[in-house]
Structure formats: structure tokens, C-alpha cells
Amino acid sequence: MLLYLDTLIGFSVVMLLISLLITILTQMVSALVNHRGSNLRWGLKTLFEHVGPALYPKLTANANRLAHEVLKHSLISDSWFSDLKAVRWLLKVPVVKTVLGRIQLASAIRPAELTNILGQIAASSDKPGVLGDLEDADWAALKVEIAALLDAPNPAATREMTQSAGVAAAAVKAIADQAKTPLLQDSVNAIRGTAGKLEAWFGSMMDRVAQKFTMYMRLWTVLFAGAFAIATGLNSITLLGELYNNGTLRTALAGMAQQATAIAGTVLDKGNSLEAGLTSALKQATRDATAGGAPQPPEIRTTAEGIAWIQANVPAGQRAAALSRFDTASAAASQKVLQDAAQNAANTSAVASQAGFDILECRWPAKPDARYLLGVLITAALLSLGAPFWFNALKSMTNLRPILASKEKAEHA
């Protein structure tokens, strides 16, 4: 029985080490291609498309390009490539345009920043960036629609007023009742109908952006698992047979179980994740800006969630300071995660090398048969389970081994 268990332990070590590399690669690629920025662009695009299709047809038709133009604005984009003249020239090359176009995007935006940038676009006489190919008539119509949207009553301010001062809302109603004038009554009804509407749209979109980002991270894990299995030709059936028959390799890999779980504990520790870093940055920024006067921030997954929480919970007089501190701290947290990911990847590869197993070796035979292809597909499916699954499985088996070893020793005594 111990032989079978050691075989499974060695197999789990391999699966865990590869899964950790996939996890690290997913995190790094997400940061390098600015996956957060592209998801935020999708959120703004959806917002522009649905804020009022009947009222703003040009805004709806150009939602994606307008969202891109907003997020690459140099005032909010945290990318070095946001507004360089050399980049403008490179963007004329189709392949480069696809890559740099994503990197240019900001990873977060505040409601006030969105309003200000849209105002600049509406007031501009020149067609900016990706909107440059619009016909003059379409450009003029789009600017009119943006201006009309921005001229609507400020829903966030109205909501803050009504939430913090119910007496003021009652006074407005009393004035309207006493005036008995259709014009005043219609104005009050209009304010009631629009109060909080755009703010709710913005907050809802930020929630959906965070959910979409999480889904994409899971999809990246599955895709990288399949790509790794196909690229290396690692056959789970063959690997199990090799571990069972090769005592040296089996013992070496089983002996690396403790080191593998230690690295996995570091990589999978939520305290070392980007989400933990952003949450810590939000708490510190809020505490410094409000001297502990604001509510305790929740856990967040993206900078957009942190900004939305500050907008909703930090008093107006302290909000700018909190946002500034959060911008700085969240950028530092993101950089640290990338540095740690590179170090963890190096440590993971070193563990596999010490056991005499080359993770990246190509194992495809000259003429793979159907059974071999099945083994590779099984590898892809097993890797898709993710590093947390193999971490827990390996810990359970290593905890079971001393018990099983003692039992076998007693039986042979």
C-alpha cells in the first residue's frame, strides 16, 4: 500500500508544481496585458450602450471607442504608454496597436474623472484618438449627446443630500405642494425620477467588471492547463506508470512533497495575493485620510472596487486624500505581486529540478496513439482543477503516509 501511496504523492507533487506555475503565469499575464483595464473598458462600453439608447443613439453606436478614449486619457491612465508621441506612431501598426491599445488603458476610474474627461471630449474641436475616423456630422452629434448627458442633474449629489438630510427632502416636497404649480411639481418629479440612476449604473457596472475579471482568470487557468499539456505532451497515465516502476524518481518526488507544499502555501496564501494587497492599501489609505473616522473597508478584488467604496463611504472633505493615498498604495501592491510571482516561479522550477524531473521537457512520442492522446487530455483536465486542489490533496496524502507506514511496519513485525 505504501508503494501506491508514494506513487500518488509523487504524481501530486508534479501536478502541484505545474499548477503553481500556471497560477503564477495567469497572474503575470493578467497584469502584463492589463486585463483589468480591458474589463473596465467593457464596463464603460456597456454603460454607454445602455444609459439611454433612445436618447443618445450616437453615444450607443460609438460606446466601445468612447470607452477606450476615456481610459487611455493621460490624466487617469497609469500606463507609461498612455500618451507618448512614439506610441502614437507605433499604434499605426495593426499588431502593435492590439497589444499597446490594451496596455494604455487605465485599470480604474472615478465617477468624477469620468465626468471630467467626457466634458473635455465634448468641448474638444478636434476628434481625439480612436474617434478620429468619425464623420463630421456624427462627431458633432456625439458631442451634443455627451454634453446633454453631462448637463443632467447630478444624481450622486442628490442622493447624498437626501440620505444625509431627510429634512431637506421633506422641505422640497413641502415647497412643491405649496406652490401648486405644474412647472415646479414637474421639476421635483424629474429629480425624484433621476436621483441615483446614473450613480447606480456606475456602481453596478463596477460590480460586473469585478465578476467578469474573476471569470476570465478562471478561463485563463483552464486554457493554460490545456496549452501546457499539449505543448509538453505530459501523459498522466504514462507518468503514473513511470513513478510506480522507477523507485528513484518516485522517492525523489515524494521527498519533495514538503518543499512543494511550502511554496504552494506562499503562492496560494490570500495574504500574499493582489486582492489582499489592494484591501490592505484601501484600509491604510482610509485610515490615514480619515484618522479612523470612516467605516472598516471590506475585502476588494480590484482597484475599481476600492475607488467605488471610497466614493460611497468616505466624507467629501476627506475623499480626495483617501483616493490619492489609495492610488499610490495600490500601485505599490501590484508591483510587489509581480516581483513575488517571478521569485515563486523560480523556486517552483528549482524544486522540480532537484527531484530530477524536468517540467518543461517535451514528452511527445514520434507517433502518438489514441491511448497517449487520452493521457494528455487527462493531464489537461487534472491541471484545470487548479493548484488549491492539488495542494489540499498532497497535504492529505503526506499526513496519511506516517500512519500507513506505521501500520505496515506493525504487520511485518
Protein backbone atom coordinates (compact mmCIF):
# COMPACT_ATOMS: atom_id res chain seq x y z
CA MET A 1 0.00 0.00 0.00
CA LEU A 2 2.87 2.36 0.77
CA LEU A 3 4.12 1.91 -2.77
CA TYR A 4 0.80 3.04 -4.21
CA LEU A 5 0.62 5.99 -1.83
CA ASP A 6 4.15 7.14 -2.69
CA THR A 7 3.26 6.89 -6.37
CA LEU A 8 0.24 9.12 -5.82
CA ILE A 9 2.29 11.53 -3.70
CA GLY A 10 4.93 11.83 -6.44
CA PHE A 11 2.23 12.33 -9.04
CA SER A 12 0.54 15.01 -6.90
CA VAL A 13 3.86 16.81 -6.44
CA VAL A 14 4.23 17.05 -10.22
CA MET A 15 0.64 18.23 -10.67
CA LEU A 16 1.01 20.78 -7.88
CA LEU A 17 4.27 22.23 -9.20
CA ILE A 18 2.86 22.59 -12.70
CA SER A 19 -0.39 24.05 -11.37
CA LEU A 20 1.58 26.61 -9.37
CA LEU A 21 3.44 27.69 -12.49
CA ILE A 22 0.11 28.04 -14.30
CA THR A 23 -1.29 30.10 -11.42
CA ILE A 24 1.75 32.37 -11.41
CA LEU A 25 1.69 32.69 -15.21
CA THR A 26 -2.00 33.61 -15.11
CA GLN A 27 -1.36 36.36 -12.58
CA MET A 28 1.59 37.78 -14.51
CA VAL A 29 -0.12 37.69 -17.91
CA SER A 30 -3.19 39.35 -16.43
CA ALA A 31 -1.02 42.21 -15.19
CA LEU A 32 1.11 42.47 -18.34
CA VAL A 33 -1.82 42.62 -20.79
CA ASN A 34 -3.76 44.88 -18.42
CA HIS A 35 -6.72 42.53 -18.16
CA ARG A 36 -8.27 44.82 -15.57
CA GLY A 37 -8.13 47.72 -17.98
CA SER A 38 -9.80 45.78 -20.79
CA ASN A 39 -12.55 44.61 -18.43
CA LEU A 40 -13.07 48.18 -17.26
CA ARG A 41 -13.37 49.26 -20.90
CA TRP A 42 -16.05 46.62 -21.35
CA GLY A 43 -17.87 48.00 -18.31
CA LEU A 44 -17.83 51.59 -19.61
CA LYS A 45 -18.85 50.37 -23.06
CA THR A 46 -21.84 48.58 -21.55
CA LEU A 47 -22.70 51.68 -19.52
CA PHE A 48 -22.61 53.95 -22.59
CA GLU A 49 -24.66 51.48 -24.62
CA HIS A 50 -27.47 51.21 -22.08
CA VAL A 51 -27.60 54.57 -20.33
CA GLY A 52 -30.19 55.72 -22.88
CA PRO A 53 -30.15 54.16 -26.38
CA ALA A 54 -33.19 56.15 -27.49
CA LEU A 55 -31.90 59.46 -26.13
CA TYR A 56 -28.25 59.03 -27.12
CA PRO A 57 -28.03 56.94 -30.33
CA LYS A 58 -24.56 58.20 -31.34
CA LEU A 59 -23.24 57.51 -27.84
CA THR A 60 -24.63 53.99 -28.05
CA ALA A 61 -23.16 53.39 -31.51
CA ASN A 62 -19.69 54.59 -30.50
CA ALA A 63 -19.70 53.18 -26.96
CA ASN A 64 -16.60 50.98 -27.33
CA ARG A 65 -14.41 53.63 -28.94
CA LEU A 66 -15.51 56.28 -26.47
CA ALA A 67 -14.75 53.97 -23.53
CA HIS A 68 -11.29 53.30 -24.97
CA GLU A 69 -10.65 57.02 -25.44
CA VAL A 70 -11.69 57.74 -21.84
CA LEU A 71 -9.48 55.04 -20.30
CA LYS A 72 -6.34 55.95 -22.24
CA HIS A 73 -6.58 59.58 -21.16
CA SER A 74 -3.24 60.65 -19.70
CA LEU A 75 -4.90 62.06 -16.57
CA ILE A 76 -6.11 58.64 -15.38
CA SER A 77 -4.13 56.01 -17.27
CA ASP A 78 -1.43 54.52 -15.05
CA SER A 79 0.38 53.21 -18.13
CA TRP A 80 3.67 54.68 -19.31
CA PHE A 81 2.34 54.23 -22.87
CA SER A 82 -0.79 56.34 -22.37
CA ASP A 83 0.20 59.46 -24.31
CA LEU A 84 3.67 59.22 -25.84
CA LYS A 85 4.27 60.53 -29.37
CA ALA A 86 6.30 57.42 -30.22
CA VAL A 87 3.38 55.26 -29.14
CA ARG A 88 1.01 57.21 -31.40
CA TRP A 89 3.25 56.32 -34.34
CA LEU A 90 3.50 52.66 -33.27
CA LEU A 91 -0.27 52.41 -32.94
CA LYS A 92 -0.48 52.72 -36.73
CA VAL A 93 0.93 49.19 -36.95
CA PRO A 94 -2.03 46.77 -36.60
CA VAL A 95 -0.31 44.11 -34.45
CA VAL A 96 1.32 46.66 -32.15
CA LYS A 97 -1.97 48.56 -31.92
CA THR A 98 -3.72 45.49 -30.49
CA VAL A 99 -1.11 44.99 -27.74
CA LEU A 100 -0.34 48.59 -26.80
CA GLY A 101 -4.01 49.53 -27.08
CA ARG A 102 -4.75 47.33 -24.07
CA ILE A 103 -1.70 48.42 -22.10
CA GLN A 104 -2.69 52.07 -22.50
CA LEU A 105 -5.94 51.59 -20.60
CA ALA A 106 -6.38 52.72 -17.02
CA SER A 107 -7.22 49.96 -14.54
CA ALA A 108 -9.64 52.13 -12.54
CA ILE A 109 -11.65 55.31 -12.90
CA ARG A 110 -13.59 57.51 -10.51
CA PRO A 111 -17.03 58.93 -11.30
CA ALA A 112 -15.68 62.50 -11.18
CA GLU A 113 -12.82 61.58 -13.55
CA LEU A 114 -15.28 60.04 -16.00
CA THR A 115 -17.37 63.21 -15.96
CA ASN A 116 -14.37 65.49 -16.44
CA ILE A 117 -12.91 63.52 -19.34
CA LEU A 118 -16.27 63.27 -21.10
CA GLY A 119 -16.58 67.04 -20.66
CA GLN A 120 -13.20 67.57 -22.29
CA ILE A 121 -14.16 65.34 -25.22
CA ALA A 122 -17.47 67.17 -25.68
CA ALA A 123 -15.71 70.55 -25.63
CA SER A 124 -12.91 69.49 -28.00
CA SER A 125 -12.90 70.80 -31.54
CA ASP A 126 -10.62 68.01 -32.75
CA LYS A 127 -11.58 64.35 -32.92
CA PRO A 128 -9.42 62.50 -30.39
CA GLY A 129 -7.64 59.20 -30.99
CA VAL A 130 -9.89 56.31 -31.95
CA LEU A 131 -12.77 58.70 -32.67
CA GLY A 132 -10.77 60.37 -35.43
CA ASP A 133 -12.45 58.48 -38.27
CA LEU A 134 -15.95 59.72 -37.42
CA GLU A 135 -17.75 61.83 -39.99
CA ASP A 136 -18.02 65.50 -39.03
CA ALA A 137 -21.78 65.24 -38.62
CA ASP A 138 -21.51 62.15 -36.43
CA TRP A 139 -18.78 63.78 -34.33
CA ALA A 140 -20.91 66.88 -33.81
CA ALA A 141 -23.93 64.77 -32.85
CA LEU A 142 -21.85 62.68 -30.44
CA LYS A 143 -20.54 65.81 -28.68
CA VAL A 144 -24.08 67.14 -28.32
CA GLU A 145 -25.24 63.87 -26.76
CA ILE A 146 -22.30 63.75 -24.34
CA ALA A 147 -22.97 67.34 -23.31
CA ALA A 148 -26.66 66.57 -22.82
CA LEU A 149 -25.80 63.61 -20.62
CA LEU A 150 -23.41 65.68 -18.53
CA ASP A 151 -25.93 68.52 -18.16
CA ALA A 152 -28.41 66.20 -16.44
CA PRO A 153 -28.86 66.74 -12.67
CA ASN A 154 -26.04 65.31 -10.59
CA PRO A 155 -27.61 62.11 -9.24
CA ALA A 156 -24.83 61.36 -6.77
CA ALA A 157 -25.12 64.78 -5.17
CA THR A 158 -28.90 64.46 -4.99
CA ARG A 159 -28.65 61.07 -3.37
CA GLU A 160 -26.09 62.21 -0.81
CA MET A 161 -28.30 65.14 0.08
CA THR A 162 -31.40 63.01 0.56
CA GLN A 163 -29.57 60.33 2.51
CA SER A 164 -27.78 62.69 4.89
CA ALA A 165 -30.57 65.21 5.35
CA GLY A 166 -34.07 63.81 5.21
CA VAL A 167 -35.38 67.13 6.38
CA ALA A 168 -34.14 68.79 3.20
CA ALA A 169 -36.02 66.27 1.09
CA ALA A 170 -39.18 66.87 3.09
CA ALA A 171 -38.76 70.62 2.62
CA VAL A 172 -38.52 70.22 -1.13
CA LYS A 173 -41.75 68.24 -1.11
CA ALA A 174 -43.47 70.85 1.06
CA ILE A 175 -42.45 73.67 -1.25
CA ALA A 176 -43.74 71.77 -4.24
CA ASP A 177 -47.08 71.08 -2.51
CA GLN A 178 -47.50 74.72 -1.52
CA ALA A 179 -46.55 76.13 -4.89
CA LYS A 180 -49.23 74.14 -6.71
CA THR A 181 -47.51 74.99 -9.97
CA PRO A 182 -47.14 72.30 -12.65
CA LEU A 183 -43.65 73.52 -13.57
CA LEU A 184 -42.26 73.19 -10.06
CA GLN A 185 -44.04 69.89 -9.49
CA ASP A 186 -42.69 68.51 -12.77
CA SER A 187 -39.17 69.57 -11.80
CA VAL A 188 -39.43 67.84 -8.44
CA ASN A 189 -40.80 64.70 -10.10
CA ALA A 190 -37.94 64.74 -12.60
CA ILE A 191 -35.38 64.96 -9.81
CA ARG A 192 -37.06 62.09 -8.00
CA GLY A 193 -37.03 60.01 -11.16
CA THR A 194 -33.34 60.53 -11.94
CA ALA A 195 -31.84 60.71 -8.44
CA GLY A 196 -29.30 57.96 -8.08
CA LYS A 197 -29.96 56.49 -11.55
CA LEU A 198 -26.57 57.14 -13.17
CA GLU A 199 -24.78 56.51 -9.88
CA ALA A 200 -26.49 53.13 -9.64
CA TRP A 201 -25.46 52.36 -13.25
CA PHE A 202 -21.83 53.18 -12.48
CA GLY A 203 -21.74 51.13 -9.26
CA SER A 204 -23.48 48.20 -10.92
CA MET A 205 -21.00 48.24 -13.79
CA MET A 206 -18.05 48.19 -11.38
CA ASP A 207 -19.51 45.08 -9.71
CA ARG A 208 -19.94 43.38 -13.07
CA VAL A 209 -16.38 44.34 -14.09
CA ALA A 210 -15.04 42.60 -10.97
CA GLN A 211 -17.15 39.49 -11.63
CA LYS A 212 -16.06 39.34 -15.26
CA PHE A 213 -12.42 39.66 -14.24
CA THR A 214 -12.75 36.68 -11.87
CA MET A 215 -14.37 34.60 -14.61
CA TYR A 216 -11.61 35.45 -17.07
CA MET A 217 -8.94 34.45 -14.56
CA ARG A 218 -10.56 31.02 -14.27
CA LEU A 219 -10.76 30.70 -18.05
CA TRP A 220 -7.07 31.61 -18.35
CA THR A 221 -6.24 28.83 -15.89
CA VAL A 222 -8.12 26.26 -17.97
CA LEU A 223 -6.56 27.50 -21.23
CA PHE A 224 -3.02 27.46 -19.82
CA ALA A 225 -3.60 23.95 -18.45
CA GLY A 226 -4.61 22.72 -21.89
CA ALA A 227 -1.76 24.59 -23.59
CA PHE A 228 0.81 23.12 -21.20
CA ALA A 229 -0.42 19.57 -21.69
CA ILE A 230 -0.42 19.90 -25.47
CA ALA A 231 2.96 21.67 -25.62
CA THR A 232 4.81 19.17 -23.40
CA GLY A 233 2.84 16.02 -24.16
CA LEU A 234 2.78 15.10 -20.47
CA ASN A 235 0.78 11.87 -20.25
CA SER A 236 -0.74 11.24 -16.81
CA ILE A 237 -1.16 7.52 -17.46
CA THR A 238 2.47 7.15 -18.53
CA LEU A 239 3.67 9.29 -15.62
CA LEU A 240 1.85 7.13 -13.07
CA GLY A 241 3.38 4.01 -14.61
CA GLU A 242 6.87 5.55 -14.56
CA LEU A 243 6.54 6.58 -10.93
CA TYR A 244 5.34 3.10 -9.97
CA ASN A 245 8.22 1.34 -11.72
CA ASN A 246 11.03 3.89 -11.11
CA GLY A 247 11.78 3.82 -7.40
CA THR A 248 14.45 6.51 -7.62
CA LEU A 249 12.19 9.08 -9.27
CA ARG A 250 9.26 8.12 -7.04
CA THR A 251 11.30 8.56 -3.86
CA ALA A 252 12.81 11.85 -5.05
CA LEU A 253 9.44 13.38 -5.91
CA ALA A 254 7.77 12.09 -2.75
CA GLY A 255 10.65 13.57 -0.75
CA MET A 256 9.95 16.97 -2.28
CA ALA A 257 6.36 16.99 -1.02
CA GLN A 258 7.16 19.19 1.96
CA GLN A 259 9.01 21.77 -0.12
CA ALA A 260 6.25 21.77 -2.75
CA THR A 261 3.53 22.39 -0.15
CA ALA A 262 5.63 25.14 1.43
CA ILE A 263 5.92 27.01 -1.88
CA ALA A 264 2.24 26.39 -2.59
CA GLY A 265 1.35 27.80 0.81
CA THR A 266 3.15 31.01 -0.11
CA VAL A 267 1.68 31.29 -3.60
CA LEU A 268 -1.87 30.43 -2.55
CA ASP A 269 -1.86 32.41 0.69
CA LYS A 270 -4.58 35.02 0.32
CA GLY A 271 -2.46 37.36 2.40
CA ASN A 272 0.07 37.46 -0.46
CA SER A 273 -2.47 37.90 -3.25
CA LEU A 274 -3.18 41.07 -5.19
CA GLU A 275 -6.63 41.19 -3.61
CA ALA A 276 -5.08 41.20 -0.13
CA GLY A 277 -2.62 43.90 -1.17
CA LEU A 278 -5.40 46.09 -2.57
CA THR A 279 -7.55 45.54 0.53
CA SER A 280 -4.63 46.47 2.77
CA ALA A 281 -3.96 49.56 0.63
CA LEU A 282 -7.62 50.59 0.92
CA LYS A 283 -7.64 50.18 4.70
CA GLN A 284 -4.40 52.10 5.14
CA ALA A 285 -5.46 54.91 2.79
CA THR A 286 -8.82 55.26 4.52
CA ARG A 287 -7.29 55.17 7.98
CA ASP A 288 -4.66 57.81 7.11
CA ALA A 289 -7.11 60.14 5.37
CA THR A 290 -9.94 59.96 7.92
CA ALA A 291 -8.00 59.30 11.13
CA GLY A 292 -10.14 56.20 11.67
CA GLY A 293 -13.40 58.08 11.17
CA ALA A 294 -14.65 56.02 8.21
CA PRO A 295 -16.22 52.53 8.41
CA GLN A 296 -14.00 49.44 8.14
CA PRO A 297 -13.44 48.74 4.41
CA PRO A 298 -14.43 45.32 3.03
CA GLU A 299 -12.23 42.96 1.05
CA ILE A 300 -11.85 44.09 -2.57
CA ARG A 301 -10.66 42.36 -5.74
CA THR A 302 -9.92 45.33 -8.00
CA THR A 303 -8.86 48.96 -7.71
CA ALA A 304 -12.24 49.90 -9.16
CA GLU A 305 -13.98 48.36 -6.16
CA GLY A 306 -11.72 50.31 -3.80
CA ILE A 307 -12.41 53.59 -5.55
CA ALA A 308 -16.15 52.93 -5.56
CA TRP A 309 -16.07 52.17 -1.83
CA ILE A 310 -14.16 55.37 -1.05
CA GLN A 311 -16.64 57.38 -3.13
CA ALA A 312 -19.56 55.90 -1.20
CA ASN A 313 -18.18 55.83 2.37
CA VAL A 314 -15.53 58.50 2.90
CA PRO A 315 -16.76 62.04 3.71
CA ALA A 316 -16.44 64.51 0.85
CA GLY A 317 -13.83 66.62 2.65
CA GLN A 318 -11.51 63.65 3.10
CA ARG A 319 -12.29 61.78 -0.10
CA ALA A 320 -9.60 63.32 -2.31
CA ALA A 321 -6.86 62.50 0.20
CA ALA A 322 -8.11 58.92 0.56
CA LEU A 323 -8.22 58.43 -3.22
CA SER A 324 -4.71 59.82 -3.64
CA ARG A 325 -3.29 57.55 -0.93
CA PHE A 326 -5.12 54.55 -2.35
CA ASP A 327 -3.76 55.21 -5.87
CA THR A 328 -0.18 55.19 -4.56
CA ALA A 329 -0.60 52.19 -2.26
CA SER A 330 -2.47 50.06 -4.79
CA ALA A 331 0.21 50.64 -7.45
CA ALA A 332 2.89 49.54 -4.98
CA ALA A 333 0.86 46.44 -4.08
CA SER A 334 0.54 45.46 -7.75
CA GLN A 335 4.27 45.84 -8.33
CA LYS A 336 5.08 43.69 -5.30
CA VAL A 337 2.79 40.91 -6.51
CA LEU A 338 4.64 40.77 -9.85
CA GLN A 339 8.03 40.63 -8.15
CA ASP A 340 6.91 37.88 -5.78
CA ALA A 341 5.40 35.92 -8.68
CA ALA A 342 8.72 35.83 -10.52
CA GLN A 343 10.53 34.61 -7.40
CA ASN A 344 7.90 31.95 -6.70
CA ALA A 345 8.14 30.65 -10.28
CA ALA A 346 11.92 30.29 -9.92
CA ASN A 347 11.51 28.43 -6.60
CA THR A 348 8.91 26.09 -8.12
CA SER A 349 11.13 25.14 -11.04
CA ALA A 350 14.05 24.58 -8.66
CA VAL A 351 12.08 22.05 -6.60
CA ALA A 352 11.22 20.00 -9.70
CA SER A 353 14.85 20.09 -10.90
CA GLN A 354 16.13 18.89 -7.52
CA ALA A 355 13.85 15.85 -7.83
CA GLY A 356 15.24 15.10 -11.30
CA PHE A 357 12.00 15.90 -13.12
CA ASP A 358 12.06 18.43 -15.96
CA ILE A 359 8.64 20.12 -16.01
CA LEU A 360 9.16 21.68 -19.45
CA GLU A 361 10.54 18.59 -21.21
CA CYS A 362 8.71 17.65 -24.40
CA ARG A 363 7.47 14.07 -23.99
CA TRP A 364 5.60 13.56 -27.27
CA PRO A 365 6.50 10.24 -28.96
CA ALA A 366 7.19 10.10 -32.69
CA LYS A 367 3.79 8.54 -33.40
CA PRO A 368 1.36 9.09 -30.53
CA ASP A 369 -1.58 6.69 -30.50
CA ALA A 370 -5.10 7.25 -29.21
CA ARG A 371 -4.20 6.00 -25.74
CA TYR A 372 -1.37 8.52 -25.47
CA LEU A 373 -3.62 11.37 -26.63
CA LEU A 374 -6.13 10.34 -23.98
CA GLY A 375 -3.42 10.54 -21.34
CA VAL A 376 -2.52 14.09 -22.44
CA LEU A 377 -6.17 15.14 -22.30
CA ILE A 378 -6.41 13.68 -18.80
CA THR A 379 -3.38 15.77 -17.83
CA ALA A 380 -5.09 18.92 -19.11
CA ALA A 381 -8.24 18.08 -17.17
CA LEU A 382 -6.31 17.38 -13.95
CA LEU A 383 -4.31 20.60 -14.22
CA SER A 384 -7.56 22.51 -14.76
CA LEU A 385 -8.57 21.55 -11.22
CA GLY A 386 -6.14 24.24 -10.07
CA ALA A 387 -3.30 24.49 -7.57
CA PRO A 388 -5.58 24.65 -4.46
CA PHE A 389 -6.99 21.20 -5.27
CA TRP A 390 -3.55 19.58 -5.61
CA PHE A 391 -2.25 21.44 -2.56
CA ASN A 392 -5.01 20.01 -0.37
CA ALA A 393 -4.70 16.55 -1.93
CA LEU A 394 -0.93 16.44 -1.36
CA LYS A 395 -1.27 17.59 2.25
CA SER A 396 -3.84 14.90 2.94
CA MET A 397 -1.67 12.16 1.45
CA THR A 398 1.51 13.27 3.25
CA ASN A 399 -0.42 13.30 6.53
CA LEU A 400 -1.68 9.80 5.79
CA ARG A 401 1.75 8.36 4.94
CA PRO A 402 3.19 8.09 8.53
CA ILE A 403 0.02 6.30 9.65
CA LEU A 404 0.18 3.85 6.75
CA ALA A 405 3.93 3.32 7.23
CA SER A 406 3.44 2.51 10.92
CA LYS A 407 0.66 0.08 10.08
CA GLU A 408 2.78 -1.76 7.51
CA LYS A 409 5.71 -1.91 9.92
CA ALA A 410 3.49 -3.42 12.59
CA GLU A 411 2.14 -6.03 10.17
CA HIS A 412 5.63 -7.14 9.17
CA ALA A 413 6.96 -7.21 12.72
